[in-house]
Amino acid sequence: GYAELPTAVNITWSSINFKTILQWQPKPSGYFYTVEIHGQTSNIKKKCILTTETECDVTDALQDVKETYIAHILSVTSVETDNFEEPPFAVSEKFTPYSETVIGKPEIKSFTQKGSELTVVIKDPLTPYTFPNGSFQSIRDIFQHDLEYKLYYWKDQSSGKKDATTKSHTFEVSVESTKNYCFYVRGIIPSRRENRNGQNSIMTCTSVGRSIFDEYGAEVFIIIAVIAIVVITLAIVLPVILCKRKKARAAREKEPLNHV
């Protein structure tokens, strides 16, 4: 029967861009787990039926992203018992995808630095949810005007950061035309009380007007200068030394003739 079966513990929700994984412990031995997703207004959905795993992808059971859900993790045997016996189960914390999923890394689609203007174009992360035509919805399609992006940028090899915010996909910020800049972007949901900030995109740097000095610093120029001085000195001194030696050799060759 079900009486002696242990129930799940340490139940957690993990969600990025609305792809949501339910995790728990312990690993079952001699029994199985079945996950039930309970929404406030939706029907119960069963996922990962009779699984021996301790995680379950429940994304497609959370289609209404603004609804609040709880998960029941049932401990069951492989043998069906009568319908009057309810298996033991553990209950998760509440989870609302719209307010709790983490905004994943935005993609830097393109960037240009022309004169004193840096333009950065970003691409919305996609979600696992699709439109009727089968194309994937982006986080912009779901969050609409609740979604903002923040750009953090700074002079290359400098620690002083500036930032700019947009509700579109494009940033246009003023920079020094003779300097290179590094930057990254993150998504933000200002209406949230928690989990406002998303993950940072990959850091990218411009390379307009990048010189050896920008790349390697003053030490390289000092080394180059020393080498140049040595080369110039050798170019001047070496011919003089060779010329003196040639004259001295010629003088020694004439000496025997003078004594004859």
Protein backbone atom coordinates (compact mmCIF):
# COMPACT_ATOMS: atom_id res chain seq x y z
CA GLY A 1 0.00 0.00 0.00
CA TYR A 2 0.85 3.68 0.13
CA ALA A 3 1.12 4.05 3.88
CA GLU A 4 4.86 3.49 4.15
CA LEU A 5 5.95 5.46 1.10
CA PRO A 6 8.14 8.53 1.79
CA THR A 7 7.07 11.87 0.33
CA ALA A 8 9.15 14.42 -1.59
CA VAL A 9 11.10 17.15 0.22
CA ASN A 10 13.09 20.25 -0.82
CA ILE A 11 10.71 21.04 -3.69
CA THR A 12 11.90 23.97 -5.83
CA TRP A 13 10.80 25.75 -8.99
CA SER A 14 13.47 26.72 -11.53
CA SER A 15 12.35 28.88 -14.44
CA ILE A 16 14.23 30.85 -17.13
CA ASN A 17 12.34 32.55 -19.97
CA PHE A 18 9.25 30.52 -18.92
CA LYS A 19 10.94 27.13 -19.30
CA THR A 20 10.08 25.73 -15.89
CA ILE A 21 11.58 22.71 -14.12
CA LEU A 22 10.27 21.29 -10.84
CA GLN A 23 12.90 19.59 -8.65
CA TRP A 24 12.75 17.67 -5.40
CA GLN A 25 14.35 14.92 -3.28
CA PRO A 26 14.93 12.02 -2.50
CA LYS A 27 15.66 9.54 -5.25
CA PRO A 28 12.90 6.88 -5.07
CA SER A 29 13.63 3.26 -4.26
CA GLY A 30 10.82 0.76 -4.77
CA TYR A 31 8.28 3.43 -5.67
CA PHE A 32 7.64 6.21 -8.21
CA TYR A 33 6.61 9.84 -8.40
CA THR A 34 3.79 11.47 -10.35
CA VAL A 35 3.47 15.25 -10.56
CA GLU A 36 0.14 17.07 -10.52
CA ILE A 37 -0.04 20.76 -11.40
CA HIS A 38 -2.95 22.61 -9.75
CA GLY A 39 -3.93 26.04 -11.04
CA GLN A 40 -6.35 28.45 -9.41
CA THR A 41 -8.76 28.29 -12.33
CA SER A 42 -7.41 25.52 -14.56
CA ASN A 43 -7.88 21.77 -14.47
CA ILE A 44 -5.33 19.50 -12.81
CA LYS A 45 -2.59 18.42 -15.21
CA LYS A 46 -0.48 15.31 -14.62
CA LYS A 47 3.17 15.32 -15.62
CA CYS A 48 6.06 12.84 -15.39
CA ILE A 49 3.77 9.94 -14.50
CA LEU A 50 5.47 7.07 -12.64
CA THR A 51 8.92 8.62 -12.91
CA THR A 52 12.04 7.61 -11.02
CA GLU A 53 13.60 11.03 -11.67
CA THR A 54 13.59 13.87 -9.17
CA GLU A 55 12.85 16.63 -11.66
CA CYS A 56 10.09 17.31 -14.13
CA ASP A 57 9.68 19.79 -17.00
CA VAL A 58 6.26 21.31 -16.32
CA THR A 59 6.46 24.14 -18.86
CA ASP A 60 3.51 23.07 -21.00
CA ALA A 61 1.30 22.74 -17.91
CA LEU A 62 1.78 26.46 -17.15
CA GLN A 63 0.35 27.94 -20.35
CA ASP A 64 -1.51 30.69 -18.49
CA VAL A 65 1.63 32.47 -17.27
CA LYS A 66 -0.27 34.90 -15.04
CA GLU A 67 -1.99 32.15 -13.08
CA THR A 68 -0.60 30.93 -9.76
CA TYR A 69 0.17 27.22 -9.48
CA ILE A 70 1.10 24.64 -6.86
CA ALA A 71 2.51 21.19 -7.51
CA HIS A 72 1.53 17.98 -5.77
CA ILE A 73 4.26 15.36 -5.97
CA LEU A 74 2.62 12.00 -5.40
CA SER A 75 4.53 8.97 -4.13
CA VAL A 76 3.02 5.93 -5.83
CA THR A 77 3.65 2.26 -6.53
CA SER A 78 3.58 0.77 -10.00
CA VAL A 79 0.53 -1.30 -9.04
CA GLU A 80 -2.75 0.56 -9.21
CA THR A 81 -4.80 0.37 -6.03
CA ASP A 82 -8.47 1.13 -5.67
CA ASN A 83 -9.62 4.67 -6.35
CA PHE A 84 -10.53 5.23 -2.72
CA GLU A 85 -6.95 5.13 -1.52
CA GLU A 86 -5.16 8.45 -1.97
CA PRO A 87 -1.40 8.24 -2.34
CA PRO A 88 0.78 10.37 -0.05
CA PHE A 89 2.01 13.58 -1.60
CA ALA A 90 4.04 16.70 -0.89
CA VAL A 91 2.94 20.21 -1.84
CA SER A 92 5.22 22.83 -3.40
CA GLU A 93 5.29 26.55 -2.76
CA LYS A 94 3.10 28.71 -5.00
CA PHE A 95 4.57 29.72 -8.35
CA THR A 96 3.45 32.42 -10.80
CA PRO A 97 5.48 32.29 -14.04
CA TYR A 98 4.80 35.90 -15.05
CA SER A 99 6.26 37.33 -11.85
CA GLU A 100 8.89 34.71 -11.04
CA THR A 101 10.54 33.38 -14.20
CA VAL A 102 14.06 34.72 -14.67
CA ILE A 103 14.76 36.83 -17.76
CA GLY A 104 17.56 35.04 -19.62
CA LYS A 105 20.56 36.52 -21.42
CA PRO A 106 19.61 38.92 -24.23
CA GLU A 107 21.50 38.51 -27.51
CA ILE A 108 23.54 41.42 -28.90
CA LYS A 109 22.23 41.39 -32.47
CA SER A 110 24.51 44.18 -33.75
CA PHE A 111 26.44 47.24 -32.62
CA THR A 112 28.24 50.17 -34.23
CA GLN A 113 30.33 53.04 -32.97
CA LYS A 114 30.28 55.95 -35.41
CA GLY A 115 31.81 59.16 -34.26
CA SER A 116 30.41 60.02 -30.84
CA GLU A 117 27.42 57.64 -31.03
CA LEU A 118 27.29 54.01 -29.91
CA THR A 119 24.31 52.04 -31.25
CA VAL A 120 23.45 48.64 -29.78
CA VAL A 121 20.63 46.45 -31.14
CA ILE A 122 19.41 43.53 -29.05
CA LYS A 123 17.30 40.45 -29.74
CA ASP A 124 14.59 39.24 -27.36
CA PRO A 125 15.15 35.80 -25.80
CA LEU A 126 12.64 33.20 -26.98
CA THR A 127 10.29 31.21 -24.75
CA PRO A 128 9.12 27.59 -25.16
CA TYR A 129 5.60 28.82 -25.95
CA THR A 130 4.46 29.09 -29.57
CA PHE A 131 1.97 31.00 -31.70
CA PRO A 132 -0.71 29.10 -33.65
CA ASN A 133 1.62 29.08 -36.68
CA GLY A 134 4.29 27.23 -34.67
CA SER A 135 6.78 30.09 -34.28
CA PHE A 136 8.15 30.66 -30.80
CA GLN A 137 7.00 33.59 -28.69
CA SER A 138 9.66 35.91 -27.33
CA ILE A 139 9.65 37.36 -23.84
CA ARG A 140 8.56 40.65 -25.46
CA ASP A 141 5.46 38.93 -26.84
CA ILE A 142 4.50 37.91 -23.30
CA PHE A 143 5.65 40.86 -21.17
CA GLN A 144 4.77 43.56 -23.72
CA HIS A 145 5.43 47.01 -22.18
CA ASP A 146 6.41 45.54 -18.82
CA LEU A 147 9.78 44.62 -20.35
CA GLU A 148 12.70 47.03 -20.42
CA TYR A 149 16.37 46.62 -21.26
CA LYS A 150 19.26 48.30 -19.49
CA LEU A 151 22.62 48.91 -21.16
CA TYR A 152 25.76 49.19 -19.03
CA TYR A 153 28.73 50.69 -20.89
CA TRP A 154 32.18 52.05 -20.05
CA LYS A 155 35.43 53.13 -21.67
CA ASP A 156 37.66 50.19 -22.47
CA GLN A 157 40.14 49.58 -19.62
CA SER A 158 38.12 51.86 -17.33
CA SER A 159 35.98 50.95 -14.31
CA GLY A 160 33.51 53.84 -14.47
CA LYS A 161 30.14 52.54 -15.76
CA LYS A 162 27.24 54.43 -17.26
CA ASP A 163 23.81 53.02 -18.04
CA ALA A 164 20.82 53.67 -20.30
CA THR A 165 17.32 52.17 -20.42
CA THR A 166 14.96 51.48 -23.32
CA LYS A 167 11.62 49.78 -23.94
CA SER A 168 12.62 49.08 -27.55
CA HIS A 169 15.39 46.91 -29.03
CA THR A 170 17.84 49.74 -29.74
CA PHE A 171 20.17 51.85 -27.63
CA GLU A 172 21.80 55.04 -28.91
CA VAL A 173 24.21 56.63 -26.44
CA SER A 174 26.82 59.37 -26.67
CA VAL A 175 30.46 58.34 -26.30
CA GLU A 176 33.92 59.77 -26.92
CA SER A 177 34.74 59.20 -30.58
CA THR A 178 38.41 58.44 -29.91
CA LYS A 179 37.75 55.81 -27.23
CA ASN A 180 36.62 52.19 -27.45
CA TYR A 181 33.77 51.02 -25.24
CA CYS A 182 32.67 47.76 -23.62
CA PHE A 183 29.08 46.97 -22.69
CA TYR A 184 26.47 44.38 -21.76
CA VAL A 185 22.68 44.33 -21.57
CA ARG A 186 20.10 42.84 -19.21
CA GLY A 187 16.32 42.60 -19.26
CA ILE A 188 14.33 44.25 -16.47
CA ILE A 189 10.71 43.96 -15.29
CA PRO A 190 10.21 47.17 -13.22
CA SER A 191 6.71 46.16 -12.11
CA ARG A 192 8.07 43.22 -10.11
CA ARG A 193 8.80 43.43 -6.42
CA GLU A 194 11.42 40.69 -6.73
CA ASN A 195 13.45 39.19 -9.58
CA ARG A 196 13.43 42.49 -11.46
CA ASN A 197 16.84 42.05 -13.04
CA GLY A 198 17.52 39.39 -15.66
CA GLN A 199 20.76 37.71 -16.62
CA ASN A 200 23.55 39.73 -18.24
CA SER A 201 24.30 39.32 -21.92
CA ILE A 202 27.81 38.46 -23.07
CA MET A 203 30.13 41.45 -22.62
CA THR A 204 31.16 42.99 -25.95
CA CYS A 205 33.71 45.69 -26.86
CA THR A 206 33.98 47.99 -29.84
CA SER A 207 37.22 48.08 -31.83
CA VAL A 208 36.93 51.35 -33.72
CA GLY A 209 40.31 53.11 -33.71
CA ARG A 210 41.87 50.50 -31.46
CA SER A 211 45.64 50.96 -31.43
CA ILE A 212 48.53 48.95 -30.04
CA PHE A 213 48.54 51.36 -27.11
CA ASP A 214 44.84 50.57 -26.36
CA GLU A 215 45.49 46.88 -26.68
CA TYR A 216 48.74 46.47 -24.76
CA GLY A 217 49.36 49.69 -22.84
CA ALA A 218 52.39 51.98 -22.41
CA GLU A 219 54.80 49.15 -21.62
CA VAL A 220 54.86 48.09 -25.26
CA PHE A 221 55.78 51.60 -26.39
CA ILE A 222 58.61 51.77 -23.87
CA ILE A 223 59.98 48.46 -25.14
CA ILE A 224 59.61 49.59 -28.77
CA ALA A 225 61.31 52.90 -27.98
CA VAL A 226 64.26 51.16 -26.30
CA ILE A 227 64.63 48.76 -29.23
CA ALA A 228 64.47 51.69 -31.68
CA ILE A 229 67.16 53.60 -29.77
CA VAL A 230 69.40 50.53 -29.73
CA VAL A 231 68.90 49.97 -33.47
CA ILE A 232 69.56 53.63 -34.31
CA THR A 233 72.64 53.67 -32.08
CA LEU A 234 74.00 50.54 -33.72
CA ALA A 235 73.22 51.96 -37.14
CA ILE A 236 75.34 55.04 -36.33
CA VAL A 237 78.08 53.55 -34.19
CA LEU A 238 78.70 50.30 -36.05
CA PRO A 239 79.73 51.90 -39.39
CA VAL A 240 82.08 54.24 -37.51
CA ILE A 241 83.73 51.34 -35.71
CA LEU A 242 84.03 49.34 -38.92
CA CYS A 243 85.47 52.33 -40.73
CA LYS A 244 88.09 52.90 -38.01
CA ARG A 245 89.04 49.23 -38.05
CA LYS A 246 89.37 49.32 -41.83
CA LYS A 247 91.65 52.36 -41.65
CA ALA A 248 93.74 50.79 -38.92
CA ARG A 249 94.12 47.58 -40.92
CA ALA A 250 95.14 49.57 -43.99
CA ALA A 251 97.69 51.50 -41.95
CA ARG A 252 99.21 48.28 -40.61
CA GLU A 253 99.44 46.85 -44.11
CA LYS A 254 101.45 49.91 -45.28
CA GLU A 255 103.98 49.85 -42.44
CA PRO A 256 106.28 47.05 -43.88
CA LEU A 257 106.55 48.90 -47.16
CA ASN A 258 107.87 51.99 -45.39
CA HIS A 259 110.75 50.01 -43.76
CA VAL A 260 111.93 48.46 -47.03
